[in-house]
Amino acid sequence: MAGAASLHKDRNFLAVIGDEDSVTGLLLAGIGHVNAQQKRNFLVVDAKTPLATIEETFLELTKRKDIAIILINQHIAEDIRELVDGHSQAFPAILEIPSKDHPYDPEKDSVLKRVRRLFGE
């Protein structure tokens, strides 16, 4: 048990991929971080953000050893659904969150889909 805890003790940060309002709110709450390689733990996505940039940032954040949870707006997760659904590691955990302009839809949430499969629903 102690060995498992030590594997994840350095995962201290949240990361966020979201619209301007979501990211700004979370940065004001104190989650912003820039590491020694000048890599940020957030990405502001707008209509002009290329899909490749979103995908690259998501993959980069999932590989970082200092990230425990990645928060992503659900409408953005829909754009990269195959990457989100393909992430099977326990850390970092991927949590889909609503945005001001896009309400949360539990039918699209990858975590809830996995839970439903576990319970045979």
PDB file of N, CA and C in Angstrom:
ATOM      1  N   MET A   1       0.824  -1.189   0.000  1.00  0.00           N
ATOM      2  CA  MET A   1       0.000   0.000   0.000  1.00  0.00           C
ATOM      3  C   MET A   1       0.866   1.250   0.000  1.00  0.00           C
ATOM      4  N   ALA A   2       1.926   1.255   0.805  1.00  0.00           N
ATOM      5  CA  ALA A   2       2.802   2.418   0.857  1.00  0.00           C
ATOM      6  C   ALA A   2       3.535   2.605  -0.471  1.00  0.00           C
ATOM      7  N   GLY A   3       3.830   1.492  -1.143  1.00  0.00           N
ATOM      8  CA  GLY A   3       4.503   1.580  -2.434  1.00  0.00           C
ATOM      9  C   GLY A   3       3.637   2.265  -3.480  1.00  0.00           C
ATOM     10  N   ALA A   4       2.358   1.958  -3.482  1.00  0.00           N
ATOM     11  CA  ALA A   4       1.441   2.587  -4.432  1.00  0.00           C
ATOM     12  C   ALA A   4       1.306   4.071  -4.148  1.00  0.00           C
ATOM     13  N   ALA A   5       1.263   4.437  -2.882  1.00  0.00           N
ATOM     14  CA  ALA A   5       1.147   5.852  -2.521  1.00  0.00           C
ATOM     15  C   ALA A   5       2.393   6.621  -2.930  1.00  0.00           C
ATOM     16  N   SER A   6       3.544   6.010  -2.808  1.00  0.00           N
ATOM     17  CA  SER A   6       4.771   6.716  -3.165  1.00  0.00           C
ATOM     18  C   SER A   6       4.891   6.933  -4.668  1.00  0.00           C
ATOM     19  N   LEU A   7       4.254   6.070  -5.468  1.00  0.00           N
ATOM     20  CA  LEU A   7       4.291   6.246  -6.912  1.00  0.00           C
ATOM     21  C   LEU A   7       3.571   7.519  -7.352  1.00  0.00           C
ATOM     22  N   HIS A   8       2.596   7.956  -6.575  1.00  0.00           N
ATOM     23  CA  HIS A   8       1.766   9.077  -6.973  1.00  0.00           C
ATOM     24  C   HIS A   8       1.940  10.296  -6.080  1.00  0.00           C
ATOM     25  N   LYS A   9       2.944  10.295  -5.216  1.00  0.00           N
ATOM     26  CA  LYS A   9       3.102  11.404  -4.281  1.00  0.00           C
ATOM     27  C   LYS A   9       3.503  12.701  -4.973  1.00  0.00           C
ATOM     28  N   ASP A  10       4.080  12.625  -6.139  1.00  0.00           N
ATOM     29  CA  ASP A  10       4.501  13.833  -6.852  1.00  0.00           C
ATOM     30  C   ASP A  10       3.411  14.404  -7.743  1.00  0.00           C
ATOM     31  N   ARG A  11       2.268  13.781  -7.780  1.00  0.00           N
ATOM     32  CA  ARG A  11       1.160  14.285  -8.596  1.00  0.00           C
ATOM     33  C   ARG A  11       0.407  15.328  -7.783  1.00  0.00           C
ATOM     34  N   ASN A  12       0.872  16.572  -7.879  1.00  0.00           N
ATOM     35  CA  ASN A  12       0.363  17.637  -7.028  1.00  0.00           C
ATOM     36  C   ASN A  12      -0.571  18.608  -7.718  1.00  0.00           C
ATOM     37  N   PHE A  13      -0.699  18.536  -9.027  1.00  0.00           N
ATOM     38  CA  PHE A  13      -1.372  19.598  -9.751  1.00  0.00           C
ATOM     39  C   PHE A  13      -2.621  19.135 -10.488  1.00  0.00           C
ATOM     40  N   LEU A  14      -3.533  20.086 -10.636  1.00  0.00           N
ATOM     41  CA  LEU A  14      -4.671  19.935 -11.529  1.00  0.00           C
ATOM     42  C   LEU A  14      -4.271  20.572 -12.846  1.00  0.00           C
ATOM     43  N   ALA A  15      -4.855  20.114 -13.928  1.00  0.00           N
ATOM     44  CA  ALA A  15      -4.670  20.744 -15.230  1.00  0.00           C
ATOM     45  C   ALA A  15      -6.054  21.019 -15.797  1.00  0.00           C
ATOM     46  N   VAL A  16      -6.144  21.962 -16.711  1.00  0.00           N
ATOM     47  CA  VAL A  16      -7.440  22.285 -17.298  1.00  0.00           C
ATOM     48  C   VAL A  16      -7.291  22.586 -18.779  1.00  0.00           C
ATOM     49  N   ILE A  17      -8.221  22.050 -19.553  1.00  0.00           N
ATOM     50  CA  ILE A  17      -8.379  22.378 -20.962  1.00  0.00           C
ATOM     51  C   ILE A  17      -9.818  22.859 -21.079  1.00  0.00           C
ATOM     52  N   GLY A  18      -9.981  24.127 -21.390  1.00  0.00           N
ATOM     53  CA  GLY A  18     -11.339  24.638 -21.403  1.00  0.00           C
ATOM     54  C   GLY A  18     -11.479  25.978 -22.082  1.00  0.00           C
ATOM     55  N   ASP A  19     -12.713  26.482 -22.058  1.00  0.00           N
ATOM     56  CA  ASP A  19     -12.972  27.792 -22.626  1.00  0.00           C
ATOM     57  C   ASP A  19     -12.387  28.870 -21.706  1.00  0.00           C
ATOM     58  N   GLU A  20     -12.399  30.087 -22.184  1.00  0.00           N
ATOM     59  CA  GLU A  20     -11.754  31.175 -21.450  1.00  0.00           C
ATOM     60  C   GLU A  20     -12.323  31.359 -20.049  1.00  0.00           C
ATOM     61  N   ASP A  21     -13.642  31.295 -19.913  1.00  0.00           N
ATOM     62  CA  ASP A  21     -14.264  31.492 -18.601  1.00  0.00           C
ATOM     63  C   ASP A  21     -13.877  30.392 -17.617  1.00  0.00           C
ATOM     64  N   SER A  22     -13.898  29.159 -18.059  1.00  0.00           N
ATOM     65  CA  SER A  22     -13.558  28.036 -17.180  1.00  0.00           C
ATOM     66  C   SER A  22     -12.102  28.104 -16.737  1.00  0.00           C
ATOM     67  N   VAL A  23     -11.211  28.327 -17.689  1.00  0.00           N
ATOM     68  CA  VAL A  23      -9.785  28.372 -17.367  1.00  0.00           C
ATOM     69  C   VAL A  23      -9.482  29.568 -16.472  1.00  0.00           C
ATOM     70  N   THR A  24     -10.043  30.724 -16.785  1.00  0.00           N
ATOM     71  CA  THR A  24      -9.796  31.915 -15.966  1.00  0.00           C
ATOM     72  C   THR A  24     -10.256  31.689 -14.526  1.00  0.00           C
ATOM     73  N   GLY A  25     -11.437  31.131 -14.359  1.00  0.00           N
ATOM     74  CA  GLY A  25     -11.940  30.862 -13.012  1.00  0.00           C
ATOM     75  C   GLY A  25     -11.034  29.923 -12.234  1.00  0.00           C
ATOM     76  N   LEU A  26     -10.570  28.872 -12.890  1.00  0.00           N
ATOM     77  CA  LEU A  26      -9.698  27.919 -12.207  1.00  0.00           C
ATOM     78  C   LEU A  26      -8.324  28.515 -11.936  1.00  0.00           C
ATOM     79  N   LEU A  27      -7.828  29.351 -12.840  1.00  0.00           N
ATOM     80  CA  LEU A  27      -6.552  30.015 -12.584  1.00  0.00           C
ATOM     81  C   LEU A  27      -6.671  30.982 -11.408  1.00  0.00           C
ATOM     82  N   LEU A  28      -7.784  31.682 -11.324  1.00  0.00           N
ATOM     83  CA  LEU A  28      -8.008  32.578 -10.186  1.00  0.00           C
ATOM     84  C   LEU A  28      -8.128  31.792  -8.880  1.00  0.00           C
ATOM     85  N   ALA A  29      -8.580  30.549  -8.971  1.00  0.00           N
ATOM     86  CA  ALA A  29      -8.666  29.699  -7.781  1.00  0.00           C
ATOM     87  C   ALA A  29      -7.304  29.148  -7.381  1.00  0.00           C
ATOM     88  N   GLY A  30      -6.302  29.322  -8.246  1.00  0.00           N
ATOM     89  CA  GLY A  30      -4.942  28.962  -7.868  1.00  0.00           C
ATOM     90  C   GLY A  30      -4.359  27.724  -8.490  1.00  0.00           C
ATOM     91  N   ILE A  31      -4.948  27.181  -9.563  1.00  0.00           N
ATOM     92  CA  ILE A  31      -4.392  25.947 -10.111  1.00  0.00           C
ATOM     93  C   ILE A  31      -3.273  26.175 -11.123  1.00  0.00           C
ATOM     94  N   GLY A  32      -3.048  27.402 -11.549  1.00  0.00           N
ATOM     95  CA  GLY A  32      -2.044  27.669 -12.574  1.00  0.00           C
ATOM     96  C   GLY A  32      -0.640  27.308 -12.135  1.00  0.00           C
ATOM     97  N   HIS A  33       0.112  26.687 -13.038  1.00  0.00           N
ATOM     98  CA  HIS A  33       1.495  26.310 -12.745  1.00  0.00           C
ATOM     99  C   HIS A  33       2.279  26.246 -14.053  1.00  0.00           C
ATOM    100  N   VAL A  34       3.514  26.701 -14.001  1.00  0.00           N
ATOM    101  CA  VAL A  34       4.455  26.569 -15.115  1.00  0.00           C
ATOM    102  C   VAL A  34       5.651  25.820 -14.561  1.00  0.00           C
ATOM    103  N   ASN A  35       5.989  24.665 -15.179  1.00  0.00           N
ATOM    104  CA  ASN A  35       7.077  23.848 -14.640  1.00  0.00           C
ATOM    105  C   ASN A  35       8.444  24.326 -15.124  1.00  0.00           C
ATOM    106  N   ALA A  36       9.486  23.613 -14.765  1.00  0.00           N
ATOM    107  CA  ALA A  36      10.860  24.003 -15.096  1.00  0.00           C
ATOM    108  C   ALA A  36      11.105  24.034 -16.603  1.00  0.00           C
ATOM    109  N   GLN A  37      10.341  23.271 -17.366  1.00  0.00           N
ATOM    110  CA  GLN A  37      10.477  23.264 -18.833  1.00  0.00           C
ATOM    111  C   GLN A  37       9.563  24.291 -19.484  1.00  0.00           C
ATOM    112  N   GLN A  38       9.001  25.192 -18.683  1.00  0.00           N
ATOM    113  CA  GLN A  38       8.100  26.257 -19.141  1.00  0.00           C
ATOM    114  C   GLN A  38       6.812  25.713 -19.754  1.00  0.00           C
ATOM    115  N   LYS A  39       6.382  24.557 -19.283  1.00  0.00           N
ATOM    116  CA  LYS A  39       5.128  23.960 -19.742  1.00  0.00           C
ATOM    117  C   LYS A  39       4.012  24.342 -18.773  1.00  0.00           C
ATOM    118  N   ARG A  40       2.927  24.849 -19.308  1.00  0.00           N
ATOM    119  CA  ARG A  40       1.778  25.243 -18.492  1.00  0.00           C
ATOM    120  C   ARG A  40       0.862  24.052 -18.264  1.00  0.00           C
ATOM    121  N   ASN A  41       0.059  24.136 -17.220  1.00  0.00           N
ATOM    122  CA  ASN A  41      -0.897  23.076 -16.931  1.00  0.00           C
ATOM    123  C   ASN A  41      -2.310  23.475 -17.355  1.00  0.00           C
ATOM    124  N   PHE A  42      -2.422  24.344 -18.336  1.00  0.00           N
ATOM    125  CA  PHE A  42      -3.736  24.774 -18.807  1.00  0.00           C
ATOM    126  C   PHE A  42      -3.668  25.149 -20.285  1.00  0.00           C
ATOM    127  N   LEU A  43      -4.833  25.089 -20.924  1.00  0.00           N
ATOM    128  CA  LEU A  43      -4.978  25.520 -22.315  1.00  0.00           C
ATOM    129  C   LEU A  43      -6.333  26.189 -22.457  1.00  0.00           C
ATOM    130  N   VAL A  44      -6.326  27.415 -22.963  1.00  0.00           N
ATOM    131  CA  VAL A  44      -7.569  28.117 -23.274  1.00  0.00           C
ATOM    132  C   VAL A  44      -7.942  27.772 -24.709  1.00  0.00           C
ATOM    133  N   VAL A  45      -9.140  27.235 -24.888  1.00  0.00           N
ATOM    134  CA  VAL A  45      -9.609  26.820 -26.205  1.00  0.00           C
ATOM    135  C   VAL A  45     -10.701  27.782 -26.651  1.00  0.00           C
ATOM    136  N   ASP A  46     -10.547  28.292 -27.874  1.00  0.00           N
ATOM    137  CA  ASP A  46     -11.605  29.107 -28.472  1.00  0.00           C
ATOM    138  C   ASP A  46     -11.879  28.573 -29.873  1.00  0.00           C
ATOM    139  N   ALA A  47     -12.702  29.262 -30.621  1.00  0.00           N
ATOM    140  CA  ALA A  47     -13.091  28.790 -31.958  1.00  0.00           C
ATOM    141  C   ALA A  47     -11.897  28.699 -32.907  1.00  0.00           C
ATOM    142  N   LYS A  48     -10.842  29.455 -32.638  1.00  0.00           N
ATOM    143  CA  LYS A  48      -9.677  29.464 -33.522  1.00  0.00           C
ATOM    144  C   LYS A  48      -8.611  28.445 -33.137  1.00  0.00           C
ATOM    145  N   THR A  49      -8.780  27.765 -32.022  1.00  0.00           N
ATOM    146  CA  THR A  49      -7.778  26.794 -31.573  1.00  0.00           C
ATOM    147  C   THR A  49      -7.837  25.556 -32.459  1.00  0.00           C
ATOM    148  N   PRO A  50      -6.713  25.212 -33.104  1.00  0.00           N
ATOM    149  CA  PRO A  50      -6.714  24.015 -33.962  1.00  0.00           C
ATOM    150  C   PRO A  50      -6.917  22.736 -33.137  1.00  0.00           C
ATOM    151  N   LEU A  51      -7.623  21.783 -33.712  1.00  0.00           N
ATOM    152  CA  LEU A  51      -7.859  20.510 -33.049  1.00  0.00           C
ATOM    153  C   LEU A  51      -6.537  19.824 -32.692  1.00  0.00           C
ATOM    154  N   ALA A  52      -5.542  19.971 -33.552  1.00  0.00           N
ATOM    155  CA  ALA A  52      -4.237  19.358 -33.299  1.00  0.00           C
ATOM    156  C   ALA A  52      -3.603  19.908 -32.024  1.00  0.00           C
ATOM    157  N   THR A  53      -3.803  21.182 -31.735  1.00  0.00           N
ATOM    158  CA  THR A  53      -3.264  21.789 -30.517  1.00  0.00           C
ATOM    159  C   THR A  53      -3.939  21.206 -29.284  1.00  0.00           C
ATOM    160  N   ILE A  54      -5.244  21.019 -29.360  1.00  0.00           N
ATOM    161  CA  ILE A  54      -5.992  20.432 -28.240  1.00  0.00           C
ATOM    162  C   ILE A  54      -5.519  18.996 -28.000  1.00  0.00           C
ATOM    163  N   GLU A  55      -5.410  18.229 -29.077  1.00  0.00           N
ATOM    164  CA  GLU A  55      -4.963  16.843 -28.959  1.00  0.00           C
ATOM    165  C   GLU A  55      -3.554  16.761 -28.388  1.00  0.00           C
ATOM    166  N   GLU A  56      -2.651  17.600 -28.898  1.00  0.00           N
ATOM    167  CA  GLU A  56      -1.266  17.605 -28.431  1.00  0.00           C
ATOM    168  C   GLU A  56      -1.181  17.960 -26.947  1.00  0.00           C
ATOM    169  N   THR A  57      -1.931  18.967 -26.531  1.00  0.00           N
ATOM    170  CA  THR A  57      -1.924  19.375 -25.129  1.00  0.00           C
ATOM    171  C   THR A  57      -2.487  18.273 -24.242  1.00  0.00           C
ATOM    172  N   PHE A  58      -3.581  17.649 -24.664  1.00  0.00           N
ATOM    173  CA  PHE A  58      -4.170  16.558 -23.887  1.00  0.00           C
ATOM    174  C   PHE A  58      -3.153  15.432 -23.693  1.00  0.00           C
ATOM    175  N   LEU A  59      -2.508  15.016 -24.781  1.00  0.00           N
ATOM    176  CA  LEU A  59      -1.528  13.927 -24.685  1.00  0.00           C
ATOM    177  C   LEU A  59      -0.345  14.319 -23.810  1.00  0.00           C
ATOM    178  N   GLU A  60       0.099  15.560 -23.927  1.00  0.00           N
ATOM    179  CA  GLU A  60       1.215  16.040 -23.112  1.00  0.00           C
ATOM    180  C   GLU A  60       0.845  16.023 -21.627  1.00  0.00           C
ATOM    181  N   LEU A  61      -0.362  16.485 -21.302  1.00  0.00           N
ATOM    182  CA  LEU A  61      -0.793  16.519 -19.909  1.00  0.00           C
ATOM    183  C   LEU A  61      -0.965  15.116 -19.338  1.00  0.00           C
ATOM    184  N   THR A  62      -1.427  14.169 -20.153  1.00  0.00           N
ATOM    185  CA  THR A  62      -1.607  12.798 -19.653  1.00  0.00           C
ATOM    186  C   THR A  62      -0.260  12.117 -19.389  1.00  0.00           C
ATOM    187  N   LYS A  63       0.796  12.582 -20.007  1.00  0.00           N
ATOM    188  CA  LYS A  63       2.118  11.985 -19.813  1.00  0.00           C
ATOM    189  C   LYS A  63       2.896  12.620 -18.660  1.00  0.00           C
ATOM    190  N   ARG A  64       2.466  13.792 -18.221  1.00  0.00           N
ATOM    191  CA  ARG A  64       3.188  14.475 -17.140  1.00  0.00           C
ATOM    192  C   ARG A  64       3.009  13.736 -15.818  1.00  0.00           C
ATOM    193  N   LYS A  65       4.091  13.633 -15.065  1.00  0.00           N
ATOM    194  CA  LYS A  65       4.077  12.907 -13.798  1.00  0.00           C
ATOM    195  C   LYS A  65       3.689  13.788 -12.617  1.00  0.00           C
ATOM    196  N   ASP A  66       3.467  15.091 -12.854  1.00  0.00           N
ATOM    197  CA  ASP A  66       3.085  15.985 -11.760  1.00  0.00           C
ATOM    198  C   ASP A  66       1.598  16.348 -11.788  1.00  0.00           C
ATOM    199  N   ILE A  67       0.853  15.808 -12.739  1.00  0.00           N
ATOM    200  CA  ILE A  67      -0.573  16.104 -12.884  1.00  0.00           C
ATOM    201  C   ILE A  67      -1.387  14.942 -12.302  1.00  0.00           C
ATOM    202  N   ALA A  68      -2.313  15.252 -11.385  1.00  0.00           N
ATOM    203  CA  ALA A  68      -3.177  14.232 -10.786  1.00  0.00           C
ATOM    204  C   ALA A  68      -4.532  14.172 -11.480  1.00  0.00           C
ATOM    205  N   ILE A  69      -5.068  15.338 -11.866  1.00  0.00           N
ATOM    206  CA  ILE A  69      -6.402  15.406 -12.460  1.00  0.00           C
ATOM    207  C   ILE A  69      -6.386  16.389 -13.622  1.00  0.00           C
ATOM    208  N   ILE A  70      -7.011  16.002 -14.721  1.00  0.00           N
ATOM    209  CA  ILE A  70      -7.197  16.908 -15.852  1.00  0.00           C
ATOM    210  C   ILE A  70      -8.682  17.223 -15.943  1.00  0.00           C
ATOM    211  N   LEU A  71      -9.012  18.495 -15.823  1.00  0.00           N
ATOM    212  CA  LEU A  71     -10.389  18.957 -16.005  1.00  0.00           C
ATOM    213  C   LEU A  71     -10.525  19.422 -17.446  1.00  0.00           C
ATOM    214  N   ILE A  72     -11.556  18.978 -18.124  1.00  0.00           N
ATOM    215  CA  ILE A  72     -11.754  19.368 -19.515  1.00  0.00           C
ATOM    216  C   ILE A  72     -13.236  19.674 -19.733  1.00  0.00           C
ATOM    217  N   ASN A  73     -13.511  20.779 -20.396  1.00  0.00           N
ATOM    218  CA  ASN A  73     -14.904  21.092 -20.709  1.00  0.00           C
ATOM    219  C   ASN A  73     -15.465  19.969 -21.573  1.00  0.00           C
ATOM    220  N   GLN A  74     -16.695  19.572 -21.266  1.00  0.00           N
ATOM    221  CA  GLN A  74     -17.289  18.432 -21.955  1.00  0.00           C
ATOM    222  C   GLN A  74     -17.390  18.651 -23.463  1.00  0.00           C
ATOM    223  N   HIS A  75     -17.709  19.868 -23.889  1.00  0.00           N
ATOM    224  CA  HIS A  75     -17.836  20.104 -25.334  1.00  0.00           C
ATOM    225  C   HIS A  75     -16.474  20.008 -26.035  1.00  0.00           C
ATOM    226  N   ILE A  76     -15.400  20.273 -25.320  1.00  0.00           N
ATOM    227  CA  ILE A  76     -14.059  20.115 -25.895  1.00  0.00           C
ATOM    228  C   ILE A  76     -13.676  18.631 -25.891  1.00  0.00           C
ATOM    229  N   ALA A  77     -14.050  17.930 -24.830  1.00  0.00           N
ATOM    230  CA  ALA A  77     -13.790  16.490 -24.770  1.00  0.00           C
ATOM    231  C   ALA A  77     -14.476  15.763 -25.927  1.00  0.00           C
ATOM    232  N   GLU A  78     -15.645  16.257 -26.329  1.00  0.00           N
ATOM    233  CA  GLU A  78     -16.344  15.658 -27.468  1.00  0.00           C
ATOM    234  C   GLU A  78     -15.505  15.754 -28.741  1.00  0.00           C
ATOM    235  N   ASP A  79     -14.755  16.842 -28.888  1.00  0.00           N
ATOM    236  CA  ASP A  79     -13.917  17.027 -30.079  1.00  0.00           C
ATOM    237  C   ASP A  79     -12.768  16.029 -30.127  1.00  0.00           C
ATOM    238  N   ILE A  80     -12.308  15.580 -28.961  1.00  0.00           N
ATOM    239  CA  ILE A  80     -11.198  14.623 -28.905  1.00  0.00           C
ATOM    240  C   ILE A  80     -11.646  13.356 -28.184  1.00  0.00           C
ATOM    241  N   ARG A  81     -12.890  12.964 -28.395  1.00  0.00           N
ATOM    242  CA  ARG A  81     -13.501  11.846 -27.664  1.00  0.00           C
ATOM    243  C   ARG A  81     -12.660  10.578 -27.735  1.00  0.00           C
ATOM    244  N   GLU A  82     -12.078  10.274 -28.896  1.00  0.00           N
ATOM    245  CA  GLU A  82     -11.309   9.034 -29.021  1.00  0.00           C
ATOM    246  C   GLU A  82     -10.089   9.042 -28.105  1.00  0.00           C
ATOM    247  N   LEU A  83      -9.467  10.193 -27.898  1.00  0.00           N
ATOM    248  CA  LEU A  83      -8.324  10.283 -26.980  1.00  0.00           C
ATOM    249  C   LEU A  83      -8.781  10.175 -25.524  1.00  0.00           C
ATOM    250  N   VAL A  84      -9.867  10.846 -25.208  1.00  0.00           N
ATOM    251  CA  VAL A  84     -10.389  10.817 -23.834  1.00  0.00           C
ATOM    252  C   VAL A  84     -10.812   9.397 -23.466  1.00  0.00           C
ATOM    253  N   ASP A  85     -11.560   8.754 -24.341  1.00  0.00           N
ATOM    254  CA  ASP A  85     -12.017   7.394 -24.069  1.00  0.00           C
ATOM    255  C   ASP A  85     -10.860   6.398 -24.083  1.00  0.00           C
ATOM    256  N   GLY A  86      -9.818   6.696 -24.825  1.00  0.00           N
ATOM    257  CA  GLY A  86      -8.667   5.807 -24.904  1.00  0.00           C
ATOM    258  C   GLY A  86      -7.733   5.899 -23.712  1.00  0.00           C
ATOM    259  N   HIS A  87      -7.902   6.910 -22.879  1.00  0.00           N
ATOM    260  CA  HIS A  87      -7.050   7.066 -21.691  1.00  0.00           C
ATOM    261  C   HIS A  87      -7.539   6.103 -20.615  1.00  0.00           C
ATOM    262  N   SER A  88      -6.722   5.125 -20.272  1.00  0.00           N
ATOM    263  CA  SER A  88      -7.167   4.096 -19.329  1.00  0.00           C
ATOM    264  C   SER A  88      -6.371   4.085 -18.029  1.00  0.00           C
ATOM    265  N   GLN A  89      -5.403   4.960 -17.894  1.00  0.00           N
ATOM    266  CA  GLN A  89      -4.600   5.005 -16.674  1.00  0.00           C
ATOM    267  C   GLN A  89      -5.387   5.641 -15.530  1.00  0.00           C
ATOM    268  N   ALA A  90      -5.037   5.264 -14.312  1.00  0.00           N
ATOM    269  CA  ALA A  90      -5.704   5.847 -13.140  1.00  0.00           C
ATOM    270  C   ALA A  90      -5.297   7.306 -12.950  1.00  0.00           C
ATOM    271  N   PHE A  91      -4.047   7.601 -13.248  1.00  0.00           N
ATOM    272  CA  PHE A  91      -3.540   8.971 -13.117  1.00  0.00           C
ATOM    273  C   PHE A  91      -2.921   9.413 -14.415  1.00  0.00           C
ATOM    274  N   PRO A  92      -3.176  10.604 -14.852  1.00  0.00           N
ATOM    275  CA  PRO A  92      -4.113  11.540 -14.261  1.00  0.00           C
ATOM    276  C   PRO A  92      -5.557  11.145 -14.583  1.00  0.00           C
ATOM    277  N   ALA A  93      -6.427  11.423 -13.639  1.00  0.00           N
ATOM    278  CA  ALA A  93      -7.860  11.190 -13.849  1.00  0.00           C
ATOM    279  C   ALA A  93      -8.404  12.281 -14.766  1.00  0.00           C
ATOM    280  N   ILE A  94      -9.299  11.917 -15.651  1.00  0.00           N
ATOM    281  CA  ILE A  94      -9.908  12.872 -16.585  1.00  0.00           C
ATOM    282  C   ILE A  94     -11.340  13.129 -16.125  1.00  0.00           C
ATOM    283  N   LEU A  95     -11.646  14.376 -15.824  1.00  0.00           N
ATOM    284  CA  LEU A  95     -12.990  14.742 -15.406  1.00  0.00           C
ATOM    285  C   LEU A  95     -13.557  15.772 -16.366  1.00  0.00           C
ATOM    286  N   GLU A  96     -14.727  15.478 -16.883  1.00  0.00           N
ATOM    287  CA  GLU A  96     -15.397  16.396 -17.803  1.00  0.00           C
ATOM    288  C   GLU A  96     -16.292  17.335 -17.011  1.00  0.00           C
ATOM    289  N   ILE A  97     -16.172  18.617 -17.311  1.00  0.00           N
ATOM    290  CA  ILE A  97     -16.924  19.631 -16.587  1.00  0.00           C
ATOM    291  C   ILE A  97     -17.758  20.461 -17.554  1.00  0.00           C
ATOM    292  N   PRO A  98     -18.853  21.038 -17.077  1.00  0.00           N
ATOM    293  CA  PRO A  98     -19.666  21.892 -17.954  1.00  0.00           C
ATOM    294  C   PRO A  98     -18.997  23.247 -18.141  1.00  0.00           C
ATOM    295  N   SER A  99     -19.492  23.982 -19.114  1.00  0.00           N
ATOM    296  CA  SER A  99     -19.065  25.370 -19.288  1.00  0.00           C
ATOM    297  C   SER A  99     -20.309  26.249 -19.254  1.00  0.00           C
ATOM    298  N   LYS A 100     -20.063  27.520 -19.252  1.00  0.00           N
ATOM    299  CA  LYS A 100     -21.174  28.471 -19.184  1.00  0.00           C
ATOM    300  C   LYS A 100     -22.132  28.312 -20.362  1.00  0.00           C
ATOM    301  N   ASP A 101     -21.599  28.065 -21.531  1.00  0.00           N
ATOM    302  CA  ASP A 101     -22.412  28.000 -22.750  1.00  0.00           C
ATOM    303  C   ASP A 101     -22.836  26.589 -23.148  1.00  0.00           C
ATOM    304  N   HIS A 102     -22.272  25.578 -22.504  1.00  0.00           N
ATOM    305  CA  HIS A 102     -22.572  24.194 -22.853  1.00  0.00           C
ATOM    306  C   HIS A 102     -22.898  23.420 -21.571  1.00  0.00           C
ATOM    307  N   PRO A 103     -24.161  23.080 -21.351  1.00  0.00           N
ATOM    308  CA  PRO A 103     -24.529  22.359 -20.128  1.00  0.00           C
ATOM    309  C   PRO A 103     -23.951  20.945 -20.116  1.00  0.00           C
ATOM    310  N   TYR A 104     -23.832  20.402 -18.928  1.00  0.00           N
ATOM    311  CA  TYR A 104     -23.312  19.056 -18.735  1.00  0.00           C
ATOM    312  C   TYR A 104     -24.328  18.031 -19.216  1.00  0.00           C
ATOM    313  N   ASP A 105     -23.865  17.045 -19.967  1.00  0.00           N
ATOM    314  CA  ASP A 105     -24.711  15.958 -20.443  1.00  0.00           C
ATOM    315  C   ASP A 105     -24.125  14.642 -19.922  1.00  0.00           C
ATOM    316  N   PRO A 106     -24.742  14.033 -18.915  1.00  0.00           N
ATOM    317  CA  PRO A 106     -24.186  12.807 -18.343  1.00  0.00           C
ATOM    318  C   PRO A 106     -24.086  11.653 -19.339  1.00  0.00           C
ATOM    319  N   GLU A 107     -24.874  11.677 -20.399  1.00  0.00           N
ATOM    320  CA  GLU A 107     -24.815  10.612 -21.405  1.00  0.00           C
ATOM    321  C   GLU A 107     -23.503  10.614 -22.183  1.00  0.00           C
ATOM    322  N   LYS A 108     -22.815  11.743 -22.200  1.00  0.00           N
ATOM    323  CA  LYS A 108     -21.559  11.863 -22.949  1.00  0.00           C
ATOM    324  C   LYS A 108     -20.321  11.690 -22.070  1.00  0.00           C
ATOM    325  N   ASP A 109     -20.490  11.648 -20.763  1.00  0.00           N
ATOM    326  CA  ASP A 109     -19.368  11.614 -19.828  1.00  0.00           C
ATOM    327  C   ASP A 109     -18.676  10.250 -19.852  1.00  0.00           C
ATOM    328  N   SER A 110     -17.372  10.239 -20.129  1.00  0.00           N
ATOM    329  CA  SER A 110     -16.633   8.979 -20.236  1.00  0.00           C
ATOM    330  C   SER A 110     -16.548   8.250 -18.903  1.00  0.00           C
ATOM    331  N   VAL A 111     -16.460   8.958 -17.792  1.00  0.00           N
ATOM    332  CA  VAL A 111     -16.393   8.312 -16.482  1.00  0.00           C
ATOM    333  C   VAL A 111     -17.708   7.597 -16.184  1.00  0.00           C
ATOM    334  N   LEU A 112     -18.822   8.273 -16.427  1.00  0.00           N
ATOM    335  CA  LEU A 112     -20.123   7.635 -16.181  1.00  0.00           C
ATOM    336  C   LEU A 112     -20.362   6.451 -17.108  1.00  0.00           C
ATOM    337  N   LYS A 113     -19.853   6.529 -18.337  1.00  0.00           N
ATOM    338  CA  LYS A 113     -19.981   5.395 -19.254  1.00  0.00           C
ATOM    339  C   LYS A 113     -19.249   4.175 -18.696  1.00  0.00           C
ATOM    340  N   ARG A 114     -18.058   4.394 -18.141  1.00  0.00           N
ATOM    341  CA  ARG A 114     -17.286   3.285 -17.566  1.00  0.00           C
ATOM    342  C   ARG A 114     -17.992   2.691 -16.352  1.00  0.00           C
ATOM    343  N   VAL A 115     -18.545   3.548 -15.520  1.00  0.00           N
ATOM    344  CA  VAL A 115     -19.273   3.073 -14.336  1.00  0.00           C
ATOM    345  C   VAL A 115     -20.471   2.243 -14.759  1.00  0.00           C
ATOM    346  N   ARG A 116     -21.186   2.702 -15.765  1.00  0.00           N
ATOM    347  CA  ARG A 116     -22.354   1.947 -16.244  1.00  0.00           C
ATOM    348  C   ARG A 116     -21.954   0.578 -16.783  1.00  0.00           C
ATOM    349  N   ARG A 117     -20.816   0.516 -17.490  1.00  0.00           N
ATOM    350  CA  ARG A 117     -20.340  -0.775 -17.988  1.00  0.00           C
ATOM    351  C   ARG A 117     -20.000  -1.716 -16.839  1.00  0.00           C
ATOM    352  N   LEU A 118     -19.390  -1.164 -15.769  1.00  0.00           N
ATOM    353  CA  LEU A 118     -19.034  -1.990 -14.618  1.00  0.00           C
ATOM    354  C   LEU A 118     -20.262  -2.600 -13.954  1.00  0.00           C
ATOM    355  N   PHE A 119     -21.340  -1.839 -13.921  1.00  0.00           N
ATOM    356  CA  PHE A 119     -22.557  -2.309 -13.287  1.00  0.00           C
ATOM    357  C   PHE A 119     -23.509  -2.970 -14.269  1.00  0.00           C
ATOM    358  N   GLY A 120     -23.078  -3.137 -15.513  1.00  0.00           N
ATOM    359  CA  GLY A 120     -23.880  -3.850 -16.492  1.00  0.00           C
ATOM    360  C   GLY A 120     -25.117  -3.121 -16.975  1.00  0.00           C
ATOM    361  N   GLU A 121     -25.087  -1.840 -16.930  1.00  0.00           N
ATOM    362  CA  GLU A 121     -26.255  -1.055 -17.391  1.00  0.00           C
ATOM    363  C   GLU A 121     -26.139  -0.728 -18.845  1.00  0.00           C
TER     364      GLU A 121
END
